[in-house]
Protein backbone atom coordinates (compact mmCIF):
# COMPACT_ATOMS: atom_id res chain seq x y z
CA MET A 1 -97.29 -40.37 -28.10
CA ILE A 2 -95.86 -43.95 -29.22
CA ASN A 3 -97.35 -46.21 -31.77
CA LYS A 4 -99.04 -49.04 -29.91
CA PRO A 5 -98.58 -52.62 -31.33
CA LEU A 6 -101.44 -53.73 -33.63
CA SER A 7 -101.51 -57.38 -32.04
CA VAL A 8 -100.42 -58.92 -28.66
CA GLN A 9 -100.08 -62.29 -26.81
CA PHE A 10 -101.67 -62.89 -23.31
CA GLU A 11 -100.60 -65.61 -21.18
CA ILE A 12 -103.70 -66.77 -19.22
CA THR A 13 -101.63 -68.87 -16.96
CA GLU A 14 -98.04 -70.26 -16.59
CA ALA A 15 -99.13 -73.65 -15.71
CA CYS A 16 -99.08 -76.46 -18.52
CA THR A 17 -100.14 -79.99 -18.79
CA HIS A 18 -97.04 -80.80 -20.81
CA LYS A 19 -93.25 -81.08 -20.16
CA CYS A 20 -91.82 -80.19 -23.49
CA ARG A 21 -87.94 -79.75 -22.64
CA HIS A 22 -87.62 -77.44 -25.74
CA CYS A 23 -90.38 -75.02 -24.66
CA TYR A 24 -89.09 -71.29 -24.98
CA ASN A 25 -90.77 -69.94 -21.70
CA TYR A 26 -88.00 -69.30 -19.09
CA PHE A 27 -90.15 -70.52 -16.22
CA ASN A 28 -90.97 -74.35 -15.46
CA HIS A 29 -94.61 -74.51 -16.20
CA ASN A 30 -95.29 -77.70 -14.26
CA SER A 31 -94.13 -76.03 -10.99
CA ARG A 32 -96.11 -72.81 -11.71
CA THR A 33 -99.85 -72.30 -10.95
CA GLU A 34 -100.06 -68.51 -11.42
CA LYS A 35 -103.26 -67.43 -13.37
CA THR A 36 -104.47 -64.10 -14.55
CA LYS A 37 -107.55 -62.20 -13.07
CA LYS A 38 -110.44 -60.56 -14.59
CA GLY A 39 -109.35 -57.25 -13.76
CA ILE A 40 -106.10 -57.76 -15.82
CA ILE A 41 -108.17 -58.96 -18.59
CA ASP A 42 -110.48 -55.83 -18.34
CA PHE A 43 -107.20 -53.61 -18.37
CA ILE A 44 -105.78 -55.11 -21.41
CA ALA A 45 -109.07 -55.02 -23.30
CA GLU A 46 -109.14 -51.18 -23.09
CA GLN A 47 -105.55 -50.73 -24.68
CA GLU A 48 -107.14 -50.71 -28.45
CA PHE A 49 -105.37 -53.60 -29.80
CA PHE A 50 -106.83 -55.18 -33.06
CA ASP A 51 -105.55 -58.68 -32.56
CA ILE A 52 -104.76 -61.02 -29.41
CA THR A 53 -103.52 -64.51 -29.14
CA LEU A 54 -104.41 -66.30 -25.75
CA THR A 55 -101.61 -68.48 -24.89
CA GLY A 56 -99.64 -69.86 -21.69
CA GLY A 57 -98.49 -72.08 -20.34
CA GLU A 58 -101.54 -73.80 -21.52
CA PRO A 59 -104.64 -71.40 -21.54
CA LEU A 60 -107.09 -74.30 -21.26
CA VAL A 61 -105.98 -75.08 -17.71
CA TYR A 62 -108.24 -72.29 -16.65
CA LYS A 63 -111.31 -72.49 -18.96
CA ASP A 64 -113.26 -69.97 -16.96
CA LEU A 65 -110.71 -67.25 -17.57
CA LEU A 66 -110.01 -68.26 -21.12
CA ASN A 67 -113.80 -67.96 -21.90
CA TYR A 68 -113.92 -64.76 -20.01
CA SER A 69 -111.10 -63.32 -22.04
CA LEU A 70 -112.52 -64.40 -25.39
CA ALA A 71 -116.02 -62.86 -24.61
CA LYS A 72 -114.34 -59.51 -23.37
CA PHE A 73 -111.94 -59.14 -26.19
CA LYS A 74 -114.57 -59.99 -28.97
CA GLU A 75 -116.66 -57.11 -27.17
CA LYS A 76 -113.83 -54.76 -28.32
CA ASN A 77 -114.03 -56.16 -31.91
CA MET A 78 -110.63 -57.79 -31.57
CA ASP A 79 -109.43 -60.69 -33.57
CA VAL A 80 -109.17 -63.52 -30.90
CA LYS A 81 -106.86 -66.65 -31.46
CA LEU A 82 -105.80 -69.41 -29.34
CA ASN A 83 -102.39 -71.08 -29.03
CA SER A 84 -102.83 -74.49 -27.32
CA ASN A 85 -101.55 -78.07 -27.10
CA LEU A 86 -105.21 -78.93 -26.95
CA TYR A 87 -104.98 -81.63 -24.50
CA LEU A 88 -107.82 -80.22 -22.21
CA LEU A 89 -110.14 -79.37 -25.13
CA ASP A 90 -113.50 -81.27 -25.38
CA LYS A 91 -116.56 -81.21 -27.46
CA GLU A 92 -118.27 -78.55 -25.26
CA ASP A 93 -115.30 -76.12 -25.37
CA ALA A 94 -115.48 -76.35 -29.27
CA ILE A 95 -119.13 -75.24 -29.16
CA ILE A 96 -118.45 -72.45 -26.73
CA PHE A 97 -115.62 -71.18 -28.76
CA LYS A 98 -117.82 -71.20 -31.98
CA GLU A 99 -120.53 -69.33 -30.13
CA ASN A 100 -118.21 -66.70 -28.77
CA GLY A 101 -116.52 -66.00 -32.02
CA LEU A 102 -112.93 -67.30 -31.52
CA ASP A 103 -111.23 -66.64 -34.88
CA SER A 104 -108.80 -69.53 -35.03
CA VAL A 105 -106.68 -72.06 -33.22
CA LEU A 106 -103.01 -72.87 -33.50
CA GLY A 107 -102.48 -76.48 -32.17
CA SER A 108 -99.00 -77.65 -31.20
CA ILE A 109 -97.93 -81.04 -32.81
CA LEU A 110 -94.66 -82.73 -32.14
CA GLY A 111 -94.82 -85.99 -34.05
CA SER A 112 -96.83 -88.04 -36.49
CA ASP A 113 -97.90 -90.86 -34.08
CA SER A 114 -98.50 -91.35 -30.36
CA LYS A 115 -95.08 -92.76 -29.73
CA LYS A 116 -93.14 -89.90 -31.09
CA HIS A 117 -95.44 -86.98 -30.02
CA ASP A 118 -96.15 -88.47 -26.56
CA SER A 119 -92.24 -88.67 -25.95
CA LEU A 120 -91.74 -85.20 -26.51
CA THR A 121 -94.67 -83.87 -24.60
CA GLY A 122 -93.79 -86.19 -21.73
CA VAL A 123 -97.64 -86.96 -21.26
CA SER A 124 -98.94 -90.46 -22.43
CA GLY A 125 -102.13 -90.10 -24.55
CA SER A 126 -101.33 -86.39 -25.43
CA PHE A 127 -101.36 -87.46 -29.16
CA SER A 128 -104.60 -89.10 -29.35
CA LYS A 129 -106.15 -86.09 -27.14
CA LEU A 130 -104.68 -83.58 -29.88
CA ILE A 131 -106.34 -85.53 -32.76
CA ASP A 132 -109.85 -85.73 -31.00
CA SER A 133 -109.67 -82.00 -30.33
CA VAL A 134 -108.66 -81.05 -33.74
CA LYS A 135 -111.74 -82.93 -35.13
CA TYR A 136 -113.97 -81.13 -32.41
CA LEU A 137 -112.83 -77.72 -33.71
CA LEU A 138 -113.21 -78.67 -37.24
CA ASN A 139 -116.67 -79.82 -36.74
CA GLN A 140 -117.52 -76.56 -35.57
CA LYS A 141 -115.72 -74.91 -38.52
CA ILE A 142 -113.15 -73.13 -36.49
CA PRO A 143 -109.97 -72.65 -38.50
CA VAL A 144 -107.16 -74.70 -37.23
CA ALA A 145 -103.48 -74.65 -38.16
CA LEU A 146 -100.93 -77.03 -36.62
CA ASN A 147 -97.30 -75.86 -35.63
CA MET A 148 -94.46 -78.23 -35.09
CA VAL A 149 -91.41 -76.90 -33.11
CA VAL A 150 -88.70 -78.76 -34.88
CA ASN A 151 -85.59 -79.77 -33.24
CA LYS A 152 -82.97 -82.64 -33.68
CA ASN A 153 -85.20 -85.24 -32.06
CA ASN A 154 -88.20 -84.68 -34.41
CA LEU A 155 -86.82 -83.16 -37.76
CA SER A 156 -86.78 -86.58 -39.51
CA ASP A 157 -90.70 -86.76 -38.75
CA LEU A 158 -91.38 -83.35 -40.17
CA TYR A 159 -92.79 -84.46 -43.66
CA ASP A 160 -95.09 -87.09 -42.13
CA VAL A 161 -96.34 -84.51 -39.60
CA GLY A 162 -97.19 -82.42 -42.57
CA LYS A 163 -98.99 -85.25 -44.32
CA LEU A 164 -100.91 -85.92 -41.27
CA THR A 165 -102.07 -82.46 -41.12
CA GLN A 166 -103.43 -82.62 -44.49
CA ASN A 167 -105.05 -85.93 -43.99
CA LEU A 168 -106.78 -84.37 -40.80
CA GLY A 169 -108.54 -81.66 -43.30
CA ILE A 170 -106.27 -79.00 -42.12
CA ASN A 171 -104.73 -76.68 -44.88
CA SER A 172 -102.30 -74.78 -42.71
CA PHE A 173 -99.17 -75.98 -41.40
CA CYS A 174 -96.27 -74.47 -39.68
CA ALA A 175 -92.62 -75.67 -38.86
CA THR A 176 -90.56 -73.81 -36.52
CA PRO A 177 -87.09 -74.34 -35.53
CA MET A 178 -86.66 -74.51 -31.92
CA VAL A 179 -85.70 -71.00 -30.35
CA ILE A 180 -82.79 -71.24 -27.99
CA SER A 181 -83.27 -69.12 -24.75
CA PRO A 182 -81.20 -67.71 -21.96
CA ASN A 183 -81.00 -69.95 -18.75
CA LYS A 184 -81.79 -73.19 -20.81
CA ASP A 185 -79.11 -75.32 -22.14
CA LEU A 186 -80.73 -76.82 -25.32
CA SER A 187 -77.60 -77.15 -27.24
CA ASP A 188 -78.27 -80.92 -27.89
CA LEU A 189 -81.62 -80.18 -29.60
CA GLU A 190 -80.60 -77.11 -31.60
CA LEU A 191 -80.69 -77.45 -35.30
CA SER A 192 -77.41 -77.08 -37.47
CA ASP A 193 -77.54 -74.55 -40.20
CA ARG A 194 -78.13 -77.37 -42.66
CA GLU A 195 -80.94 -78.93 -40.58
CA TYR A 196 -82.62 -75.51 -40.20
CA ILE A 197 -82.68 -75.16 -44.13
CA ARG A 198 -83.75 -78.80 -44.39
CA THR A 199 -86.74 -77.90 -42.24
CA LEU A 200 -87.70 -74.89 -44.60
CA SER A 201 -87.09 -77.13 -47.72
CA THR A 202 -89.43 -79.87 -46.40
CA LEU A 203 -92.02 -77.25 -45.87
CA LEU A 204 -91.74 -76.21 -49.58
CA GLU A 205 -92.05 -79.90 -50.57
CA LEU A 206 -95.34 -80.27 -48.45
CA LYS A 207 -96.52 -77.18 -50.10
CA SER A 208 -95.70 -78.74 -53.40
CA ASP A 209 -97.15 -82.28 -52.59
CA PHE A 210 -100.33 -81.43 -50.68
CA GLY A 211 -101.15 -77.99 -51.44
CA LEU A 212 -100.64 -76.79 -47.76
CA LYS A 213 -100.40 -73.21 -46.70
CA ILE A 214 -96.98 -73.20 -45.05
CA ASP A 215 -95.01 -71.00 -42.71
CA SER A 216 -92.23 -70.90 -40.02
CA LEU A 217 -93.17 -68.61 -37.09
CA HIS A 218 -89.60 -67.69 -36.26
CA PRO A 219 -88.24 -65.82 -39.40
CA PRO A 220 -84.83 -67.01 -40.57
CA LEU A 221 -81.99 -64.62 -41.48
CA PRO A 222 -81.67 -63.92 -45.10
CA CYS A 223 -77.98 -64.33 -44.69
CA MET A 224 -78.30 -67.97 -43.90
CA PHE A 225 -79.06 -68.83 -47.44
CA GLU A 226 -76.46 -68.94 -50.48
CA GLU A 227 -77.16 -66.22 -52.86
CA SER A 228 -78.17 -68.92 -55.48
CA GLU A 229 -80.83 -70.12 -52.91
CA ARG A 230 -82.15 -67.11 -51.45
CA GLU A 231 -84.90 -66.65 -54.01
CA LYS A 232 -86.28 -70.17 -53.20
CA TYR A 233 -86.63 -69.33 -49.46
CA ARG A 234 -87.73 -65.85 -49.80
CA MET A 235 -91.30 -66.42 -48.47
CA PHE A 236 -89.80 -67.36 -45.09
CA PHE A 237 -87.99 -63.91 -44.46
CA ASP A 238 -89.67 -61.37 -47.00
CA LYS A 239 -93.02 -60.96 -45.19
CA ARG A 240 -92.11 -61.91 -41.65
CA SER A 241 -89.56 -60.30 -39.29
CA CYS A 242 -89.00 -59.93 -35.56
CA VAL A 243 -91.43 -57.23 -34.28
CA ALA A 244 -90.80 -57.66 -30.35
CA GLY A 245 -91.52 -54.41 -28.70
CA THR A 246 -92.80 -52.80 -31.80
CA GLY A 247 -95.45 -54.82 -33.72
CA THR A 248 -96.30 -56.77 -30.65
CA LEU A 249 -95.99 -57.43 -26.91
CA THR A 250 -96.54 -60.27 -24.29
CA PHE A 251 -98.63 -59.89 -21.17
CA SER A 252 -97.87 -62.17 -18.47
CA PRO A 253 -100.74 -63.54 -16.25
CA ASN A 254 -100.01 -60.94 -13.60
CA GLY A 255 -100.12 -58.08 -16.16
CA ASP A 256 -96.38 -57.70 -16.44
CA VAL A 257 -95.49 -56.56 -20.05
CA ARG A 258 -92.61 -58.12 -22.01
CA PRO A 259 -91.36 -57.64 -25.62
CA CYS A 260 -92.27 -60.97 -26.86
CA SER A 261 -93.25 -64.57 -25.62
CA HIS A 262 -89.63 -65.54 -25.83
CA SER A 263 -88.21 -62.86 -23.60
CA ASN A 264 -88.04 -62.53 -19.78
CA LEU A 265 -87.42 -58.92 -19.62
CA ILE A 266 -90.26 -57.03 -18.02
CA TYR A 267 -90.78 -53.18 -18.59
CA GLY A 268 -93.80 -52.51 -16.64
CA ASN A 269 -97.15 -53.72 -15.49
CA ILE A 270 -100.50 -52.91 -17.41
CA VAL A 271 -102.42 -52.41 -14.06
CA GLU A 272 -99.70 -50.27 -12.29
CA ASN A 273 -98.23 -48.31 -15.42
CA SER A 274 -99.70 -46.78 -18.50
CA LEU A 275 -99.16 -48.44 -21.92
CA GLU A 276 -97.47 -45.35 -23.17
CA ASP A 277 -94.96 -45.47 -20.09
CA ILE A 278 -94.19 -49.05 -20.75
CA LEU A 279 -93.62 -48.51 -24.49
CA LYS A 280 -91.28 -45.55 -23.53
CA GLU A 281 -89.27 -48.15 -21.39
CA MET A 282 -89.08 -50.25 -24.28
CA GLU A 283 -87.41 -47.70 -26.64
CA ILE A 284 -84.33 -49.98 -27.06
CA TRP A 285 -86.49 -52.32 -28.98
CA ARG A 286 -87.56 -49.64 -31.46
CA ASN A 287 -84.46 -47.77 -32.21
CA THR A 288 -81.12 -49.34 -33.52
CA ASP A 289 -79.38 -50.13 -30.16
CA LEU A 290 -79.95 -53.91 -30.30
CA ILE A 291 -78.85 -54.29 -34.00
CA PRO A 292 -75.38 -56.10 -34.04
CA GLU A 293 -72.79 -54.13 -35.31
CA ASP A 294 -71.88 -56.91 -37.85
CA CYS A 295 -75.39 -56.32 -39.44
CA ASN A 296 -75.10 -52.72 -39.89
CA PRO A 297 -73.63 -52.89 -43.51
CA CYS A 298 -76.29 -55.34 -44.59
CA ALA A 299 -78.88 -54.61 -47.18
CA TYR A 300 -81.60 -56.38 -45.15
CA VAL A 301 -80.74 -54.63 -41.76
CA GLU A 302 -83.84 -52.46 -41.77
CA LYS A 303 -86.31 -55.31 -42.06
CA CYS A 304 -84.24 -58.13 -40.42
CA ARG A 305 -82.73 -56.02 -37.63
CA GLY A 306 -80.32 -58.75 -36.77
CA GLY A 307 -83.17 -61.32 -36.11
CA CYS A 308 -84.26 -62.70 -32.82
CA ARG A 309 -82.63 -60.81 -29.79
CA VAL A 310 -83.53 -63.71 -27.51
CA SER A 311 -81.67 -66.15 -29.58
CA ALA A 312 -78.73 -63.73 -29.72
CA GLU A 313 -78.78 -63.19 -25.92
CA ALA A 314 -78.72 -67.04 -25.56
CA PHE A 315 -75.87 -67.47 -28.05
CA THR A 316 -73.56 -64.50 -27.03
CA GLY A 317 -74.73 -63.32 -23.66
CA LYS A 318 -75.63 -59.90 -25.25
CA LEU A 319 -79.11 -58.61 -26.51
CA ASN A 320 -77.17 -56.86 -29.25
CA GLY A 321 -75.07 -59.91 -30.15
CA VAL A 322 -75.57 -61.85 -33.43
CA GLU A 323 -78.01 -64.75 -33.99
CA PRO A 324 -76.66 -68.38 -33.99
CA TYR A 325 -77.51 -68.74 -37.62
CA PHE A 326 -75.95 -65.38 -38.65
CA LYS A 327 -73.28 -65.67 -41.57
CA HIS A 328 -72.24 -62.15 -42.81
CA PRO A 329 -73.97 -58.91 -43.95
CA LEU A 330 -75.32 -58.92 -47.54
CA LYS A 331 -74.43 -56.28 -50.09
CA THR A 332 -77.68 -56.61 -52.20
CA LYS A 333 -81.30 -57.85 -51.94
CA ILE A 334 -82.85 -60.21 -54.24
CA PRO A 335 -85.08 -58.40 -56.96
CA GLU A 336 -88.38 -57.44 -55.64
CA LEU A 337 -91.30 -59.55 -56.98
CA PRO A 338 -93.16 -57.74 -59.74
CA LYS A 339 -96.12 -55.70 -58.60
CA ARG A 340 -99.66 -56.80 -59.60
CA ARG A 341 -101.32 -54.83 -62.38
CA ILE A 342 -104.31 -53.08 -61.20
CA LYS A 343 -107.36 -51.41 -62.94
CA LEU A 344 -108.20 -48.55 -60.91
CA GLU A 345 -111.69 -48.38 -61.99
CA ASN A 346 -112.38 -51.87 -60.54
CA LEU A 347 -110.75 -51.24 -57.21
CA LYS A 348 -112.61 -52.19 -53.98
CA PRO A 349 -111.97 -52.51 -50.31
CA VAL A 350 -110.46 -55.72 -49.22
CA LYS A 351 -112.94 -58.08 -47.71
CA GLY A 352 -112.79 -58.46 -44.02
CA ASN A 353 -113.46 -56.67 -40.77
CA ILE A 354 -111.78 -53.28 -41.41
CA ARG A 355 -110.99 -51.46 -38.19
CA TYR A 356 -109.19 -48.16 -37.49
CA ARG A 357 -107.44 -46.28 -34.62
CA ASP A 358 -105.81 -42.82 -34.25
CA GLU A 359 -102.14 -42.84 -34.23
CA PRO A 360 -99.27 -40.11 -33.57
CA ASN A 361 -98.54 -37.50 -36.19
CA GLY A 362 -102.05 -37.49 -37.66
CA LEU A 363 -101.68 -41.20 -38.93
CA LYS A 364 -104.46 -43.90 -38.77
CA ALA A 365 -103.87 -47.47 -38.22
CA VAL A 366 -106.09 -49.69 -40.54
CA TYR A 367 -106.33 -53.26 -39.58
CA VAL A 368 -107.88 -56.22 -41.38
CA SER A 369 -105.80 -59.13 -40.44
CA SER A 370 -102.34 -60.01 -39.22
CA ARG A 371 -101.28 -60.08 -42.83
CA ILE A 372 -103.19 -56.99 -44.11
CA ASN A 373 -102.61 -53.82 -42.02
CA SER A 374 -100.90 -50.46 -42.34
CA ARG A 375 -100.62 -46.92 -41.01
CA VAL A 376 -102.13 -44.35 -43.49
CA THR A 377 -102.18 -40.65 -43.81
CA GLU A 378 -105.21 -38.72 -43.34
CA ASP A 379 -105.78 -38.11 -46.92
CA GLU A 380 -105.34 -41.96 -47.86
CA PHE A 381 -107.80 -42.71 -44.90
CA ASN A 382 -110.27 -40.35 -46.28
CA VAL A 383 -110.13 -42.09 -49.81
CA LEU A 384 -110.26 -45.52 -48.29
CA ARG A 385 -113.33 -44.59 -46.21
CA ARG A 386 -115.10 -43.56 -49.53
CA PHE A 387 -114.43 -47.05 -50.89
CA VAL A 388 -115.59 -48.62 -47.76
CA ALA A 389 -118.66 -46.68 -48.03
CA GLY A 390 -119.46 -48.28 -51.33
CA LYS A 391 -118.38 -45.57 -53.80
CA THR A 392 -116.34 -46.44 -57.04
CA TYR A 393 -113.11 -45.10 -58.17
CA ASN A 394 -114.79 -43.05 -60.75
CA GLU A 395 -117.38 -41.72 -58.27
CA ILE A 396 -114.58 -40.62 -56.02
CA ILE A 397 -112.92 -38.84 -58.70
CA ASN A 398 -115.98 -36.90 -59.58
CA GLU A 399 -116.54 -36.14 -55.98
CA VAL A 400 -112.89 -34.98 -55.13
CA LYS A 401 -112.22 -33.16 -58.35
CA ASN A 402 -108.53 -34.06 -58.24
CA PRO A 403 -107.98 -37.07 -60.48
CA LYS A 404 -104.20 -37.27 -60.15
CA VAL A 405 -104.13 -37.27 -56.34
CA ILE A 406 -107.09 -39.81 -56.21
CA GLU A 407 -105.03 -42.02 -58.60
CA GLU A 408 -101.70 -41.99 -56.58
CA ILE A 409 -103.75 -42.40 -53.22
CA SER A 410 -105.73 -45.51 -54.67
CA LYS A 411 -102.51 -47.00 -55.98
CA THR A 412 -100.72 -46.61 -52.58
CA LEU A 413 -103.82 -48.37 -50.87
CA ALA A 414 -103.74 -50.99 -53.47
CA SER A 415 -100.00 -51.67 -52.74
CA LYS A 416 -100.88 -52.01 -49.04
CA GLN A 417 -103.67 -54.60 -50.12
CA LEU A 418 -106.30 -52.24 -48.43
CA LEU A 419 -107.80 -52.08 -52.00
CA VAL A 420 -107.93 -55.00 -54.26
């Protein structure tokens, strides 16, 4: 039995309203009309995932299937998120999303005004539609974040896009350098090393100036940065790494399963094959076969694993090649951040929808959010369950009669942010 991913992406359709040249998908959205079917949605809903992102193409092209998916996945107590350019969203959609429990929306923005944004989407009026849609969602109190795919054509506009995000009343902003993909020549748009780092530096500036929560959805390589600056940029690589085929999967509209949304490699179909068999076919993504030889001596290799394998394939022609931004293996890591001090007697379970799933080797997967989740032992799970039931640390000590073990387990659960 193989550990199933905790979260997945599901492409409702390959069709899209926009013509973004930088899009990572290997297919031409505007010439594809394939959409999913309710039976495929039902199969995915039975796989015990905790978190699913509805994407495309543009998922709002087929609103009936999007709303069916949302309802079906919420029935299974899943976090459901939407990735969209928001061009087709109207007031009624926002109301339906709120009623059906949509957890959040990630909208795509490419420029700070209509001239810049529309020139990159290839669709006149797309900027004004995006702004209206954001307001509809915020009026329904649906959490919204904006993501800007950054390339040479819009890097100079990044700060103004972040400022616009804040002015709209949104507190989360992502800037993600364009990912190069096989079968597409985007060399004229690809950021240089300095431009990539400038992107991250601008994000830090936006955080400082406006208090925005910032992120970059494509984790950079730790070796990109000079040793003197690695601490400055650690937030972008310390808590995020590529989890293609391990922590996530992507389902195509027809049920084909890929390691991630950037990859065009298919390892089975959820209707025709069991998830276990599909994961077995993906073994190469879980072992060390795809880690570049040049990365093996690196202190970060276990976490970084050489970075994005799709970018590496586009850059070198090999899945186990080096990423475009690879520099050299690092001998040491930057010092770990100091651990927070905890008072054991004050510990409580983290707030949120805490869910569990059986895992191989007697483990349990515990999931609260995309940021707070872990696999725990049976003993750790039993202690956590007592906390969730409302018992205090001292009550658990008295009940179990083994204070040393309870102390160690409680510290472990606190380090995993399951207790706070």
